[in-house]
Amino acid sequence: MKNLKLLLILAVGMLIFQSCNKDDEGTQEADLIGIWGIDNLDFDILINNQSLSEFLGDDSGQFEALFTAELEAEFENSTFEFKSDNTYEVIQPGEPTETGT
């Protein structure tokens, strides 16, 4: 009788562990393959839940404004192409084309 209970407990345990599959989490992946253009971009920089100006102690906010404007200008009107062979190509106005994997 002890062996039957032990066997039943093991069988139920195996069924429970087999029914739990981490692959069934309901997440979906979207393909990035294609050409993506950036027309307008806004950066918000937070460090430890503080704006860049707060973090640096810059009460005027001038550094953060200049820094984010530079980042936004760097990427605006850029084109990103993600290819099916896991390579990419970045085209930015006035810059050489960047490629990679």
PDB file of N, CA and C in Angstrom:
ATOM      1  N   MET A   1       0.812  -1.186   0.000  1.00  0.00           N
ATOM      2  CA  MET A   1       0.000   0.000   0.000  1.00  0.00           C
ATOM      3  C   MET A   1       0.867   1.266   0.000  1.00  0.00           C
ATOM      4  N   LYS A   2       2.005   1.216   0.760  1.00  0.00           N
ATOM      5  CA  LYS A   2       2.920   2.352   0.779  1.00  0.00           C
ATOM      6  C   LYS A   2       3.497   2.600  -0.612  1.00  0.00           C
ATOM      7  N   ASN A   3       3.855   1.523  -1.284  1.00  0.00           N
ATOM      8  CA  ASN A   3       4.424   1.657  -2.628  1.00  0.00           C
ATOM      9  C   ASN A   3       3.412   2.235  -3.604  1.00  0.00           C
ATOM     10  N   LEU A   4       2.141   1.860  -3.464  1.00  0.00           N
ATOM     11  CA  LEU A   4       1.094   2.378  -4.342  1.00  0.00           C
ATOM     12  C   LEU A   4       0.915   3.879  -4.128  1.00  0.00           C
ATOM     13  N   LYS A   5       0.931   4.339  -2.868  1.00  0.00           N
ATOM     14  CA  LYS A   5       0.812   5.764  -2.574  1.00  0.00           C
ATOM     15  C   LYS A   5       2.010   6.527  -3.134  1.00  0.00           C
ATOM     16  N   LEU A   6       3.203   5.968  -2.947  1.00  0.00           N
ATOM     17  CA  LEU A   6       4.408   6.613  -3.449  1.00  0.00           C
ATOM     18  C   LEU A   6       4.367   6.697  -4.973  1.00  0.00           C
ATOM     19  N   LEU A   7       3.955   5.627  -5.614  1.00  0.00           N
ATOM     20  CA  LEU A   7       3.857   5.611  -7.069  1.00  0.00           C
ATOM     21  C   LEU A   7       2.822   6.624  -7.545  1.00  0.00           C
ATOM     22  N   LEU A   8       1.702   6.736  -6.872  1.00  0.00           N
ATOM     23  CA  LEU A   8       0.654   7.693  -7.221  1.00  0.00           C
ATOM     24  C   LEU A   8       1.151   9.128  -7.044  1.00  0.00           C
ATOM     25  N   ILE A   9       1.854   9.393  -5.959  1.00  0.00           N
ATOM     26  CA  ILE A   9       2.405  10.730  -5.711  1.00  0.00           C
ATOM     27  C   ILE A   9       3.420  11.095  -6.791  1.00  0.00           C
ATOM     28  N   LEU A  10       4.290  10.170  -7.152  1.00  0.00           N
ATOM     29  CA  LEU A  10       5.272  10.424  -8.210  1.00  0.00           C
ATOM     30  C   LEU A  10       4.596  10.675  -9.549  1.00  0.00           C
ATOM     31  N   ALA A  11       3.556   9.894  -9.868  1.00  0.00           N
ATOM     32  CA  ALA A  11       2.849  10.054 -11.136  1.00  0.00           C
ATOM     33  C   ALA A  11       2.161  11.421 -11.208  1.00  0.00           C
ATOM     34  N   VAL A  12       1.505  11.810 -10.127  1.00  0.00           N
ATOM     35  CA  VAL A  12       0.830  13.116 -10.090  1.00  0.00           C
ATOM     36  C   VAL A  12       1.873  14.232 -10.179  1.00  0.00           C
ATOM     37  N   GLY A  13       2.979  14.079  -9.474  1.00  0.00           N
ATOM     38  CA  GLY A  13       4.048  15.085  -9.526  1.00  0.00           C
ATOM     39  C   GLY A  13       4.607  15.251 -10.924  1.00  0.00           C
ATOM     40  N   MET A  14       4.817  14.147 -11.625  1.00  0.00           N
ATOM     41  CA  MET A  14       5.340  14.218 -12.996  1.00  0.00           C
ATOM     42  C   MET A  14       4.343  14.899 -13.919  1.00  0.00           C
ATOM     43  N   LEU A  15       3.059  14.633 -13.753  1.00  0.00           N
ATOM     44  CA  LEU A  15       2.041  15.288 -14.579  1.00  0.00           C
ATOM     45  C   LEU A  15       2.010  16.786 -14.337  1.00  0.00           C
ATOM     46  N   ILE A  16       2.130  17.176 -13.072  1.00  0.00           N
ATOM     47  CA  ILE A  16       2.112  18.602 -12.748  1.00  0.00           C
ATOM     48  C   ILE A  16       3.308  19.304 -13.381  1.00  0.00           C
ATOM     49  N   PHE A  17       4.492  18.734 -13.250  1.00  0.00           N
ATOM     50  CA  PHE A  17       5.686  19.388 -13.801  1.00  0.00           C
ATOM     51  C   PHE A  17       5.693  19.379 -15.322  1.00  0.00           C
ATOM     52  N   GLN A  18       5.129  18.389 -15.951  1.00  0.00           N
ATOM     53  CA  GLN A  18       5.081  18.358 -17.407  1.00  0.00           C
ATOM     54  C   GLN A  18       4.060  19.340 -17.948  1.00  0.00           C
ATOM     55  N   SER A  19       3.023  19.624 -17.210  1.00  0.00           N
ATOM     56  CA  SER A  19       1.989  20.528 -17.711  1.00  0.00           C
ATOM     57  C   SER A  19       2.414  21.991 -17.609  1.00  0.00           C
ATOM     58  N   CYS A  20       3.405  22.274 -16.806  1.00  0.00           N
ATOM     59  CA  CYS A  20       3.904  23.638 -16.680  1.00  0.00           C
ATOM     60  C   CYS A  20       5.014  23.844 -17.694  1.00  0.00           C
ATOM     61  N   ASN A  21       4.723  24.609 -18.718  1.00  0.00           N
ATOM     62  CA  ASN A  21       5.699  24.839 -19.769  1.00  0.00           C
ATOM     63  C   ASN A  21       5.935  26.341 -19.879  1.00  0.00           C
ATOM     64  N   LYS A  22       7.158  26.766 -19.745  1.00  0.00           N
ATOM     65  CA  LYS A  22       7.482  28.186 -19.789  1.00  0.00           C
ATOM     66  C   LYS A  22       7.296  28.775 -21.184  1.00  0.00           C
ATOM     67  N   ASP A  23       7.227  27.936 -22.218  1.00  0.00           N
ATOM     68  CA  ASP A  23       7.041  28.442 -23.570  1.00  0.00           C
ATOM     69  C   ASP A  23       5.627  28.956 -23.806  1.00  0.00           C
ATOM     70  N   ASP A  24       4.696  28.608 -22.955  1.00  0.00           N
ATOM     71  CA  ASP A  24       3.311  29.002 -23.137  1.00  0.00           C
ATOM     72  C   ASP A  24       2.968  30.245 -22.332  1.00  0.00           C
ATOM     73  N   GLU A  25       3.797  31.250 -22.395  1.00  0.00           N
ATOM     74  CA  GLU A  25       3.583  32.453 -21.610  1.00  0.00           C
ATOM     75  C   GLU A  25       2.740  33.488 -22.348  1.00  0.00           C
ATOM     76  N   GLY A  26       2.356  33.218 -23.573  1.00  0.00           N
ATOM     77  CA  GLY A  26       1.502  34.134 -24.310  1.00  0.00           C
ATOM     78  C   GLY A  26       2.225  35.315 -24.924  1.00  0.00           C
ATOM     79  N   THR A  27       3.532  35.298 -24.974  1.00  0.00           N
ATOM     80  CA  THR A  27       4.253  36.400 -25.590  1.00  0.00           C
ATOM     81  C   THR A  27       4.312  36.185 -27.092  1.00  0.00           C
ATOM     82  N   GLN A  28       4.296  37.276 -27.804  1.00  0.00           N
ATOM     83  CA  GLN A  28       4.385  37.215 -29.253  1.00  0.00           C
ATOM     84  C   GLN A  28       5.576  38.031 -29.701  1.00  0.00           C
ATOM     85  N   GLU A  29       6.277  37.517 -30.675  1.00  0.00           N
ATOM     86  CA  GLU A  29       7.402  38.243 -31.232  1.00  0.00           C
ATOM     87  C   GLU A  29       7.002  38.799 -32.582  1.00  0.00           C
ATOM     88  N   ALA A  30       7.378  40.026 -32.832  1.00  0.00           N
ATOM     89  CA  ALA A  30       7.100  40.643 -34.119  1.00  0.00           C
ATOM     90  C   ALA A  30       8.397  40.695 -34.920  1.00  0.00           C
ATOM     91  N   ASP A  31       8.284  40.500 -36.194  1.00  0.00           N
ATOM     92  CA  ASP A  31       9.455  40.583 -37.062  1.00  0.00           C
ATOM     93  C   ASP A  31       9.859  42.039 -37.249  1.00  0.00           C
ATOM     94  N   LEU A  32      11.134  42.281 -37.175  1.00  0.00           N
ATOM     95  CA  LEU A  32      11.657  43.618 -37.440  1.00  0.00           C
ATOM     96  C   LEU A  32      12.095  43.755 -38.885  1.00  0.00           C
ATOM     97  N   ILE A  33      12.006  42.677 -39.634  1.00  0.00           N
ATOM     98  CA  ILE A  33      12.489  42.688 -41.012  1.00  0.00           C
ATOM     99  C   ILE A  33      11.723  43.738 -41.799  1.00  0.00           C
ATOM    100  N   GLY A  34      12.476  44.593 -42.467  1.00  0.00           N
ATOM    101  CA  GLY A  34      11.871  45.646 -43.272  1.00  0.00           C
ATOM    102  C   GLY A  34      12.646  46.940 -43.115  1.00  0.00           C
ATOM    103  N   ILE A  35      12.108  47.971 -43.712  1.00  0.00           N
ATOM    104  CA  ILE A  35      12.735  49.293 -43.668  1.00  0.00           C
ATOM    105  C   ILE A  35      11.930  50.168 -42.715  1.00  0.00           C
ATOM    106  N   TRP A  36      12.626  50.748 -41.754  1.00  0.00           N
ATOM    107  CA  TRP A  36      12.004  51.582 -40.742  1.00  0.00           C
ATOM    108  C   TRP A  36      12.595  52.984 -40.832  1.00  0.00           C
ATOM    109  N   GLY A  37      11.739  53.969 -40.914  1.00  0.00           N
ATOM    110  CA  GLY A  37      12.192  55.352 -40.980  1.00  0.00           C
ATOM    111  C   GLY A  37      11.844  56.100 -39.710  1.00  0.00           C
ATOM    112  N   ILE A  38      12.722  56.993 -39.310  1.00  0.00           N
ATOM    113  CA  ILE A  38      12.483  57.831 -38.139  1.00  0.00           C
ATOM    114  C   ILE A  38      12.238  59.246 -38.633  1.00  0.00           C
ATOM    115  N   ASP A  39      11.019  59.727 -38.435  1.00  0.00           N
ATOM    116  CA  ASP A  39      10.672  61.071 -38.858  1.00  0.00           C
ATOM    117  C   ASP A  39      10.780  62.073 -37.722  1.00  0.00           C
ATOM    118  N   ASN A  40      10.358  61.636 -36.532  1.00  0.00           N
ATOM    119  CA  ASN A  40      10.359  62.518 -35.382  1.00  0.00           C
ATOM    120  C   ASN A  40      10.745  61.695 -34.161  1.00  0.00           C
ATOM    121  N   LEU A  41      11.606  62.239 -33.348  1.00  0.00           N
ATOM    122  CA  LEU A  41      12.124  61.492 -32.210  1.00  0.00           C
ATOM    123  C   LEU A  41      12.228  62.412 -31.007  1.00  0.00           C
ATOM    124  N   ASP A  42      11.759  61.957 -29.856  1.00  0.00           N
ATOM    125  CA  ASP A  42      11.866  62.717 -28.612  1.00  0.00           C
ATOM    126  C   ASP A  42      12.560  61.854 -27.571  1.00  0.00           C
ATOM    127  N   PHE A  43      13.648  62.349 -27.017  1.00  0.00           N
ATOM    128  CA  PHE A  43      14.372  61.641 -25.968  1.00  0.00           C
ATOM    129  C   PHE A  43      14.001  62.216 -24.608  1.00  0.00           C
ATOM    130  N   ASP A  44      13.747  61.345 -23.658  1.00  0.00           N
ATOM    131  CA  ASP A  44      13.604  61.715 -22.257  1.00  0.00           C
ATOM    132  C   ASP A  44      14.660  60.908 -21.505  1.00  0.00           C
ATOM    133  N   ILE A  45      15.606  61.589 -20.928  1.00  0.00           N
ATOM    134  CA  ILE A  45      16.704  60.904 -20.247  1.00  0.00           C
ATOM    135  C   ILE A  45      16.438  60.942 -18.745  1.00  0.00           C
ATOM    136  N   LEU A  46      16.339  59.740 -18.161  1.00  0.00           N
ATOM    137  CA  LEU A  46      16.145  59.620 -16.719  1.00  0.00           C
ATOM    138  C   LEU A  46      17.291  58.816 -16.121  1.00  0.00           C
ATOM    139  N   ILE A  47      17.827  59.315 -15.025  1.00  0.00           N
ATOM    140  CA  ILE A  47      18.866  58.620 -14.275  1.00  0.00           C
ATOM    141  C   ILE A  47      18.393  58.546 -12.833  1.00  0.00           C
ATOM    142  N   ASN A  48      18.214  57.347 -12.332  1.00  0.00           N
ATOM    143  CA  ASN A  48      17.688  57.149 -10.973  1.00  0.00           C
ATOM    144  C   ASN A  48      16.382  57.914 -10.761  1.00  0.00           C
ATOM    145  N   ASN A  49      15.503  57.841 -11.755  1.00  0.00           N
ATOM    146  CA  ASN A  49      14.195  58.504 -11.717  1.00  0.00           C
ATOM    147  C   ASN A  49      14.284  60.024 -11.651  1.00  0.00           C
ATOM    148  N   GLN A  50      15.393  60.582 -12.089  1.00  0.00           N
ATOM    149  CA  GLN A  50      15.562  62.029 -12.137  1.00  0.00           C
ATOM    150  C   GLN A  50      15.883  62.419 -13.576  1.00  0.00           C
ATOM    151  N   SER A  51      15.443  63.594 -13.965  1.00  0.00           N
ATOM    152  CA  SER A  51      15.824  64.086 -15.284  1.00  0.00           C
ATOM    153  C   SER A  51      17.338  64.317 -15.292  1.00  0.00           C
ATOM    154  N   LEU A  52      17.888  64.421 -16.469  1.00  0.00           N
ATOM    155  CA  LEU A  52      19.335  64.647 -16.583  1.00  0.00           C
ATOM    156  C   LEU A  52      19.734  65.936 -15.864  1.00  0.00           C
ATOM    157  N   SER A  53      18.924  66.981 -16.011  1.00  0.00           N
ATOM    158  CA  SER A  53      19.216  68.256 -15.346  1.00  0.00           C
ATOM    159  C   SER A  53      19.207  68.111 -13.828  1.00  0.00           C
ATOM    160  N   GLU A  54      18.193  67.400 -13.304  1.00  0.00           N
ATOM    161  CA  GLU A  54      18.127  67.187 -11.855  1.00  0.00           C
ATOM    162  C   GLU A  54      19.321  66.383 -11.375  1.00  0.00           C
ATOM    163  N   PHE A  55      19.668  65.343 -12.121  1.00  0.00           N
ATOM    164  CA  PHE A  55      20.785  64.482 -11.728  1.00  0.00           C
ATOM    165  C   PHE A  55      22.100  65.254 -11.702  1.00  0.00           C
ATOM    166  N   LEU A  56      22.305  66.134 -12.682  1.00  0.00           N
ATOM    167  CA  LEU A  56      23.550  66.898 -12.761  1.00  0.00           C
ATOM    168  C   LEU A  56      23.526  68.168 -11.921  1.00  0.00           C
ATOM    169  N   GLY A  57      22.358  68.522 -11.390  1.00  0.00           N
ATOM    170  CA  GLY A  57      22.261  69.753 -10.613  1.00  0.00           C
ATOM    171  C   GLY A  57      22.248  70.989 -11.498  1.00  0.00           C
ATOM    172  N   ASP A  58      21.825  70.843 -12.743  1.00  0.00           N
ATOM    173  CA  ASP A  58      21.769  71.944 -13.699  1.00  0.00           C
ATOM    174  C   ASP A  58      20.383  72.568 -13.636  1.00  0.00           C
ATOM    175  N   ASP A  59      20.237  73.618 -12.842  1.00  0.00           N
ATOM    176  CA  ASP A  59      18.929  74.230 -12.649  1.00  0.00           C
ATOM    177  C   ASP A  59      18.390  74.894 -13.913  1.00  0.00           C
ATOM    178  N   SER A  60      19.273  75.324 -14.792  1.00  0.00           N
ATOM    179  CA  SER A  60      18.806  76.003 -16.002  1.00  0.00           C
ATOM    180  C   SER A  60      18.255  75.015 -17.026  1.00  0.00           C
ATOM    181  N   GLY A  61      18.719  73.775 -17.001  1.00  0.00           N
ATOM    182  CA  GLY A  61      18.256  72.772 -17.957  1.00  0.00           C
ATOM    183  C   GLY A  61      18.849  72.922 -19.336  1.00  0.00           C
ATOM    184  N   GLN A  62      19.820  73.827 -19.486  1.00  0.00           N
ATOM    185  CA  GLN A  62      20.398  74.087 -20.806  1.00  0.00           C
ATOM    186  C   GLN A  62      21.181  72.888 -21.335  1.00  0.00           C
ATOM    187  N   PHE A  63      21.957  72.236 -20.470  1.00  0.00           N
ATOM    188  CA  PHE A  63      22.745  71.101 -20.930  1.00  0.00           C
ATOM    189  C   PHE A  63      21.842  69.985 -21.438  1.00  0.00           C
ATOM    190  N   GLU A  64      20.790  69.678 -20.675  1.00  0.00           N
ATOM    191  CA  GLU A  64      19.868  68.618 -21.088  1.00  0.00           C
ATOM    192  C   GLU A  64      19.192  68.978 -22.408  1.00  0.00           C
ATOM    193  N   ALA A  65      18.792  70.223 -22.578  1.00  0.00           N
ATOM    194  CA  ALA A  65      18.140  70.654 -23.813  1.00  0.00           C
ATOM    195  C   ALA A  65      19.079  70.507 -25.011  1.00  0.00           C
ATOM    196  N   LEU A  66      20.324  70.928 -24.837  1.00  0.00           N
ATOM    197  CA  LEU A  66      21.298  70.809 -25.930  1.00  0.00           C
ATOM    198  C   LEU A  66      21.631  69.352 -26.230  1.00  0.00           C
ATOM    199  N   PHE A  67      21.797  68.552 -25.183  1.00  0.00           N
ATOM    200  CA  PHE A  67      22.160  67.147 -25.345  1.00  0.00           C
ATOM    201  C   PHE A  67      21.049  66.365 -26.048  1.00  0.00           C
ATOM    202  N   THR A  68      19.817  66.528 -25.592  1.00  0.00           N
ATOM    203  CA  THR A  68      18.711  65.798 -26.221  1.00  0.00           C
ATOM    204  C   THR A  68      18.460  66.298 -27.645  1.00  0.00           C
ATOM    205  N   ALA A  69      18.609  67.593 -27.881  1.00  0.00           N
ATOM    206  CA  ALA A  69      18.439  68.117 -29.245  1.00  0.00           C
ATOM    207  C   ALA A  69      19.477  67.508 -30.179  1.00  0.00           C
ATOM    208  N   GLU A  70      20.692  67.350 -29.706  1.00  0.00           N
ATOM    209  CA  GLU A  70      21.753  66.738 -30.523  1.00  0.00           C
ATOM    210  C   GLU A  70      21.439  65.269 -30.827  1.00  0.00           C
ATOM    211  N   LEU A  71      20.972  64.540 -29.823  1.00  0.00           N
ATOM    212  CA  LEU A  71      20.607  63.140 -30.043  1.00  0.00           C
ATOM    213  C   LEU A  71      19.444  63.013 -31.018  1.00  0.00           C
ATOM    214  N   GLU A  72      18.435  63.851 -30.845  1.00  0.00           N
ATOM    215  CA  GLU A  72      17.273  63.804 -31.734  1.00  0.00           C
ATOM    216  C   GLU A  72      17.676  64.137 -33.163  1.00  0.00           C
ATOM    217  N   ALA A  73      18.519  65.153 -33.341  1.00  0.00           N
ATOM    218  CA  ALA A  73      18.962  65.535 -34.682  1.00  0.00           C
ATOM    219  C   ALA A  73      19.809  64.443 -35.325  1.00  0.00           C
ATOM    220  N   GLU A  74      20.536  63.707 -34.513  1.00  0.00           N
ATOM    221  CA  GLU A  74      21.394  62.633 -35.021  1.00  0.00           C
ATOM    222  C   GLU A  74      20.584  61.529 -35.689  1.00  0.00           C
ATOM    223  N   PHE A  75      19.418  61.226 -35.140  1.00  0.00           N
ATOM    224  CA  PHE A  75      18.633  60.099 -35.638  1.00  0.00           C
ATOM    225  C   PHE A  75      17.454  60.478 -36.522  1.00  0.00           C
ATOM    226  N   GLU A  76      16.964  61.712 -36.442  1.00  0.00           N
ATOM    227  CA  GLU A  76      15.821  62.091 -37.257  1.00  0.00           C
ATOM    228  C   GLU A  76      16.160  61.981 -38.734  1.00  0.00           C
ATOM    229  N   ASN A  77      15.170  61.581 -39.517  1.00  0.00           N
ATOM    230  CA  ASN A  77      15.290  61.371 -40.961  1.00  0.00           C
ATOM    231  C   ASN A  77      16.262  60.249 -41.304  1.00  0.00           C
ATOM    232  N   SER A  78      16.489  59.360 -40.365  1.00  0.00           N
ATOM    233  CA  SER A  78      17.340  58.190 -40.605  1.00  0.00           C
ATOM    234  C   SER A  78      16.473  57.024 -41.048  1.00  0.00           C
ATOM    235  N   THR A  79      17.099  56.058 -41.705  1.00  0.00           N
ATOM    236  CA  THR A  79      16.411  54.853 -42.143  1.00  0.00           C
ATOM    237  C   THR A  79      17.173  53.649 -41.623  1.00  0.00           C
ATOM    238  N   PHE A  80      16.440  52.710 -41.021  1.00  0.00           N
ATOM    239  CA  PHE A  80      17.012  51.459 -40.538  1.00  0.00           C
ATOM    240  C   PHE A  80      16.406  50.329 -41.356  1.00  0.00           C
ATOM    241  N   GLU A  81      17.256  49.471 -41.916  1.00  0.00           N
ATOM    242  CA  GLU A  81      16.762  48.303 -42.642  1.00  0.00           C
ATOM    243  C   GLU A  81      17.258  47.048 -41.947  1.00  0.00           C
ATOM    244  N   PHE A  82      16.329  46.220 -41.519  1.00  0.00           N
ATOM    245  CA  PHE A  82      16.651  44.948 -40.891  1.00  0.00           C
ATOM    246  C   PHE A  82      16.340  43.856 -41.905  1.00  0.00           C
ATOM    247  N   LYS A  83      17.357  43.053 -42.227  1.00  0.00           N
ATOM    248  CA  LYS A  83      17.227  42.054 -43.283  1.00  0.00           C
ATOM    249  C   LYS A  83      17.016  40.659 -42.700  1.00  0.00           C
ATOM    250  N   SER A  84      16.486  39.768 -43.513  1.00  0.00           N
ATOM    251  CA  SER A  84      16.162  38.411 -43.059  1.00  0.00           C
ATOM    252  C   SER A  84      17.405  37.585 -42.749  1.00  0.00           C
ATOM    253  N   ASP A  85      18.585  38.011 -43.222  1.00  0.00           N
ATOM    254  CA  ASP A  85      19.821  37.279 -42.908  1.00  0.00           C
ATOM    255  C   ASP A  85      20.482  37.794 -41.627  1.00  0.00           C
ATOM    256  N   ASN A  86      19.693  38.514 -40.796  1.00  0.00           N
ATOM    257  CA  ASN A  86      20.139  39.053 -39.500  1.00  0.00           C
ATOM    258  C   ASN A  86      21.206  40.130 -39.629  1.00  0.00           C
ATOM    259  N   THR A  87      21.184  40.854 -40.719  1.00  0.00           N
ATOM    260  CA  THR A  87      22.061  42.005 -40.872  1.00  0.00           C
ATOM    261  C   THR A  87      21.197  43.265 -40.857  1.00  0.00           C
ATOM    262  N   TYR A  88      21.851  44.401 -40.693  1.00  0.00           N
ATOM    263  CA  TYR A  88      21.117  45.662 -40.694  1.00  0.00           C
ATOM    264  C   TYR A  88      21.914  46.703 -41.461  1.00  0.00           C
ATOM    265  N   GLU A  89      21.210  47.758 -41.824  1.00  0.00           N
ATOM    266  CA  GLU A  89      21.828  48.878 -42.524  1.00  0.00           C
ATOM    267  C   GLU A  89      21.192  50.154 -41.996  1.00  0.00           C
ATOM    268  N   VAL A  90      22.020  51.115 -41.616  1.00  0.00           N
ATOM    269  CA  VAL A  90      21.531  52.397 -41.109  1.00  0.00           C
ATOM    270  C   VAL A  90      21.979  53.481 -42.063  1.00  0.00           C
ATOM    271  N   ILE A  91      21.009  54.246 -42.546  1.00  0.00           N
ATOM    272  CA  ILE A  91      21.313  55.349 -43.454  1.00  0.00           C
ATOM    273  C   ILE A  91      20.902  56.636 -42.764  1.00  0.00           C
ATOM    274  N   GLN A  92      21.896  57.514 -42.554  1.00  0.00           N
ATOM    275  CA  GLN A  92      21.659  58.807 -41.926  1.00  0.00           C
ATOM    276  C   GLN A  92      22.106  59.890 -42.886  1.00  0.00           C
ATOM    277  N   PRO A  93      21.330  60.971 -43.001  1.00  0.00           N
ATOM    278  CA  PRO A  93      21.711  62.054 -43.901  1.00  0.00           C
ATOM    279  C   PRO A  93      23.094  62.609 -43.561  1.00  0.00           C
ATOM    280  N   GLY A  94      23.942  62.704 -44.569  1.00  0.00           N
ATOM    281  CA  GLY A  94      25.274  63.278 -44.383  1.00  0.00           C
ATOM    282  C   GLY A  94      26.283  62.359 -43.718  1.00  0.00           C
ATOM    283  N   GLU A  95      25.922  61.098 -43.518  1.00  0.00           N
ATOM    284  CA  GLU A  95      26.816  60.141 -42.864  1.00  0.00           C
ATOM    285  C   GLU A  95      27.000  58.928 -43.764  1.00  0.00           C
ATOM    286  N   PRO A  96      28.157  58.231 -43.637  1.00  0.00           N
ATOM    287  CA  PRO A  96      28.306  56.995 -44.393  1.00  0.00           C
ATOM    288  C   PRO A  96      27.331  55.925 -43.893  1.00  0.00           C
ATOM    289  N   THR A  97      26.909  55.059 -44.796  1.00  0.00           N
ATOM    290  CA  THR A  97      25.974  53.992 -44.428  1.00  0.00           C
ATOM    291  C   THR A  97      26.661  53.026 -43.485  1.00  0.00           C
ATOM    292  N   GLU A  98      25.964  52.663 -42.425  1.00  0.00           N
ATOM    293  CA  GLU A  98      26.498  51.717 -41.428  1.00  0.00           C
ATOM    294  C   GLU A  98      25.813  50.368 -41.621  1.00  0.00           C
ATOM    295  N   THR A  99      26.601  49.303 -41.623  1.00  0.00           N
ATOM    296  CA  THR A  99      26.041  47.962 -41.749  1.00  0.00           C
ATOM    297  C   THR A  99      26.612  47.080 -40.646  1.00  0.00           C
ATOM    298  N   GLY A 100      25.915  46.001 -40.348  1.00  0.00           N
ATOM    299  CA  GLY A 100      26.408  45.082 -39.316  1.00  0.00           C
ATOM    300  C   GLY A 100      25.477  43.910 -39.127  1.00  0.00           C
ATOM    301  N   THR A 101      25.793  43.126 -38.108  1.00  0.00           N
ATOM    302  CA  THR A 101      24.975  41.953 -37.781  1.00  0.00           C
ATOM    303  C   THR A 101      24.477  42.065 -36.359  1.00  0.00           C
TER     304      THR A 101
END
